[in-house]
Structure formats: structure tokens, C-alpha cells
Amino acid sequence: MPPVPPVLGWTIAAVATAALGRLLVREWRRVNEMLDAQELTATAELGRESIPTLRPDPRTGVYRPE
């Protein structure tokens, strides 16, 4: 088998790198969508109403729940 010319070798390497990059980006986005969906459900379950509002005490300046 004759040796591969350097230009052809570099071209094959560039195409393989681009394909691998696309695969990684697609996987990265898929995982982030999955994690974002889990985060939204966890935040929705928490409920904003159950967390008390903090207001500063005028005398001490310490924040206390209302």
C-alpha cells in the first residue's frame, strides 16, 4: 500500500475532527436540555409562596422574615 500524501492525511484528520466536534456539541446540548428540564421541575416543586420575604429590621439592620 502506498503511503498517504500529507495533504490527504491532514484533510482526513480535519474532517474527522469536525465530525467529532459536531457529535460532542449535539451530545452536550442533549444533556443540557435534560438537566434544564430536571431543574425546572425541581424549582416548580419548591414553590415561591413557601419562602418567606426577608425585610431589614429598622433598629438593627438584620434581615428577618416577615
C-alpha atoms as a PDB file:
ATOM      1  CA  MET A   1       0.000   0.000   0.000  1.00  0.00           C
ATOM      2  CA  PRO A   2       1.494   3.373  -0.969  1.00  0.00           C
ATOM      3  CA  PRO A   3       1.994   5.975   1.752  1.00  0.00           C
ATOM      4  CA  VAL A   4      -0.746   8.556   2.219  1.00  0.00           C
ATOM      5  CA  PRO A   5       0.245  12.017   0.990  1.00  0.00           C
ATOM      6  CA  PRO A   6       0.459  14.503   3.878  1.00  0.00           C
ATOM      7  CA  VAL A   7      -2.253  16.754   2.437  1.00  0.00           C
ATOM      8  CA  LEU A   8      -4.683  13.850   2.249  1.00  0.00           C
ATOM      9  CA  GLY A   9      -3.808  12.804   5.796  1.00  0.00           C
ATOM     10  CA  TRP A  10      -4.391  16.330   7.126  1.00  0.00           C
ATOM     11  CA  THR A  11      -7.682  16.537   5.225  1.00  0.00           C
ATOM     12  CA  ILE A  12      -8.907  13.262   6.691  1.00  0.00           C
ATOM     13  CA  ALA A  13      -7.871  14.417  10.167  1.00  0.00           C
ATOM     14  CA  ALA A  14      -9.713  17.744   9.721  1.00  0.00           C
ATOM     15  CA  VAL A  15     -12.903  16.021   8.552  1.00  0.00           C
ATOM     16  CA  ALA A  16     -12.749  13.546  11.439  1.00  0.00           C
ATOM     17  CA  THR A  17     -12.194  16.388  13.922  1.00  0.00           C
ATOM     18  CA  ALA A  18     -15.170  18.323  12.545  1.00  0.00           C
ATOM     19  CA  ALA A  19     -17.381  15.228  12.754  1.00  0.00           C
ATOM     20  CA  LEU A  20     -16.286  14.552  16.327  1.00  0.00           C
ATOM     21  CA  GLY A  21     -16.916  18.190  17.235  1.00  0.00           C
ATOM     22  CA  ARG A  22     -20.451  18.041  15.857  1.00  0.00           C
ATOM     23  CA  LEU A  23     -21.104  14.836  17.775  1.00  0.00           C
ATOM     24  CA  LEU A  24     -19.855  16.382  21.018  1.00  0.00           C
ATOM     25  CA  VAL A  25     -21.922  19.548  20.536  1.00  0.00           C
ATOM     26  CA  ARG A  26     -25.069  17.513  19.875  1.00  0.00           C
ATOM     27  CA  GLU A  27     -24.470  15.383  22.977  1.00  0.00           C
ATOM     28  CA  TRP A  28     -23.671  18.489  25.076  1.00  0.00           C
ATOM     29  CA  ARG A  29     -26.960  20.124  24.052  1.00  0.00           C
ATOM     30  CA  ARG A  30     -28.948  16.931  24.697  1.00  0.00           C
ATOM     31  CA  VAL A  31     -27.547  16.589  28.221  1.00  0.00           C
ATOM     32  CA  ASN A  32     -28.119  20.291  28.980  1.00  0.00           C
ATOM     33  CA  GLU A  33     -31.756  20.047  27.848  1.00  0.00           C
ATOM     34  CA  MET A  34     -32.236  17.066  30.136  1.00  0.00           C
ATOM     35  CA  LEU A  35     -30.637  18.867  33.095  1.00  0.00           C
ATOM     36  CA  ASP A  36     -32.628  22.059  32.454  1.00  0.00           C
ATOM     37  CA  ALA A  37     -35.866  20.063  32.449  1.00  0.00           C
ATOM     38  CA  GLN A  38     -34.961  18.492  35.797  1.00  0.00           C
ATOM     39  CA  GLU A  39     -34.047  21.889  37.235  1.00  0.00           C
ATOM     40  CA  LEU A  40     -37.361  23.412  36.150  1.00  0.00           C
ATOM     41  CA  THR A  41     -39.368  20.629  37.774  1.00  0.00           C
ATOM     42  CA  ALA A  42     -37.346  20.907  40.982  1.00  0.00           C
ATOM     43  CA  THR A  43     -37.873  24.676  41.080  1.00  0.00           C
ATOM     44  CA  ALA A  44     -41.591  24.332  40.403  1.00  0.00           C
ATOM     45  CA  GLU A  45     -41.953  21.846  43.256  1.00  0.00           C
ATOM     46  CA  LEU A  46     -40.246  24.211  45.686  1.00  0.00           C
ATOM     47  CA  GLY A  47     -42.950  26.860  45.410  1.00  0.00           C
ATOM     48  CA  ARG A  48     -42.185  30.524  45.777  1.00  0.00           C
ATOM     49  CA  GLU A  49     -45.024  31.048  48.263  1.00  0.00           C
ATOM     50  CA  SER A  50     -43.440  28.819  50.894  1.00  0.00           C
ATOM     51  CA  ILE A  51     -40.325  31.014  51.133  1.00  0.00           C
ATOM     52  CA  PRO A  52     -40.832  33.999  53.471  1.00  0.00           C
ATOM     53  CA  THR A  53     -39.866  37.503  52.382  1.00  0.00           C
ATOM     54  CA  LEU A  54     -36.939  38.994  54.277  1.00  0.00           C
ATOM     55  CA  ARG A  55     -37.149  42.615  55.422  1.00  0.00           C
ATOM     56  CA  PRO A  56     -34.475  44.606  57.264  1.00  0.00           C
ATOM     57  CA  ASP A  57     -35.152  45.406  60.911  1.00  0.00           C
ATOM     58  CA  PRO A  58     -35.003  49.227  61.152  1.00  0.00           C
ATOM     59  CA  ARG A  59     -33.277  49.162  64.543  1.00  0.00           C
ATOM     60  CA  THR A  60     -30.607  46.518  63.987  1.00  0.00           C
ATOM     61  CA  GLY A  61     -30.405  46.290  60.192  1.00  0.00           C
ATOM     62  CA  VAL A  62     -30.619  42.491  60.388  1.00  0.00           C
ATOM     63  CA  TYR A  63     -32.844  40.866  57.775  1.00  0.00           C
ATOM     64  CA  ARG A  64     -35.746  38.928  59.285  1.00  0.00           C
ATOM     65  CA  PRO A  65     -38.671  37.038  57.731  1.00  0.00           C
ATOM     66  CA  GLU A  66     -41.981  38.877  57.571  1.00  0.00           C
END
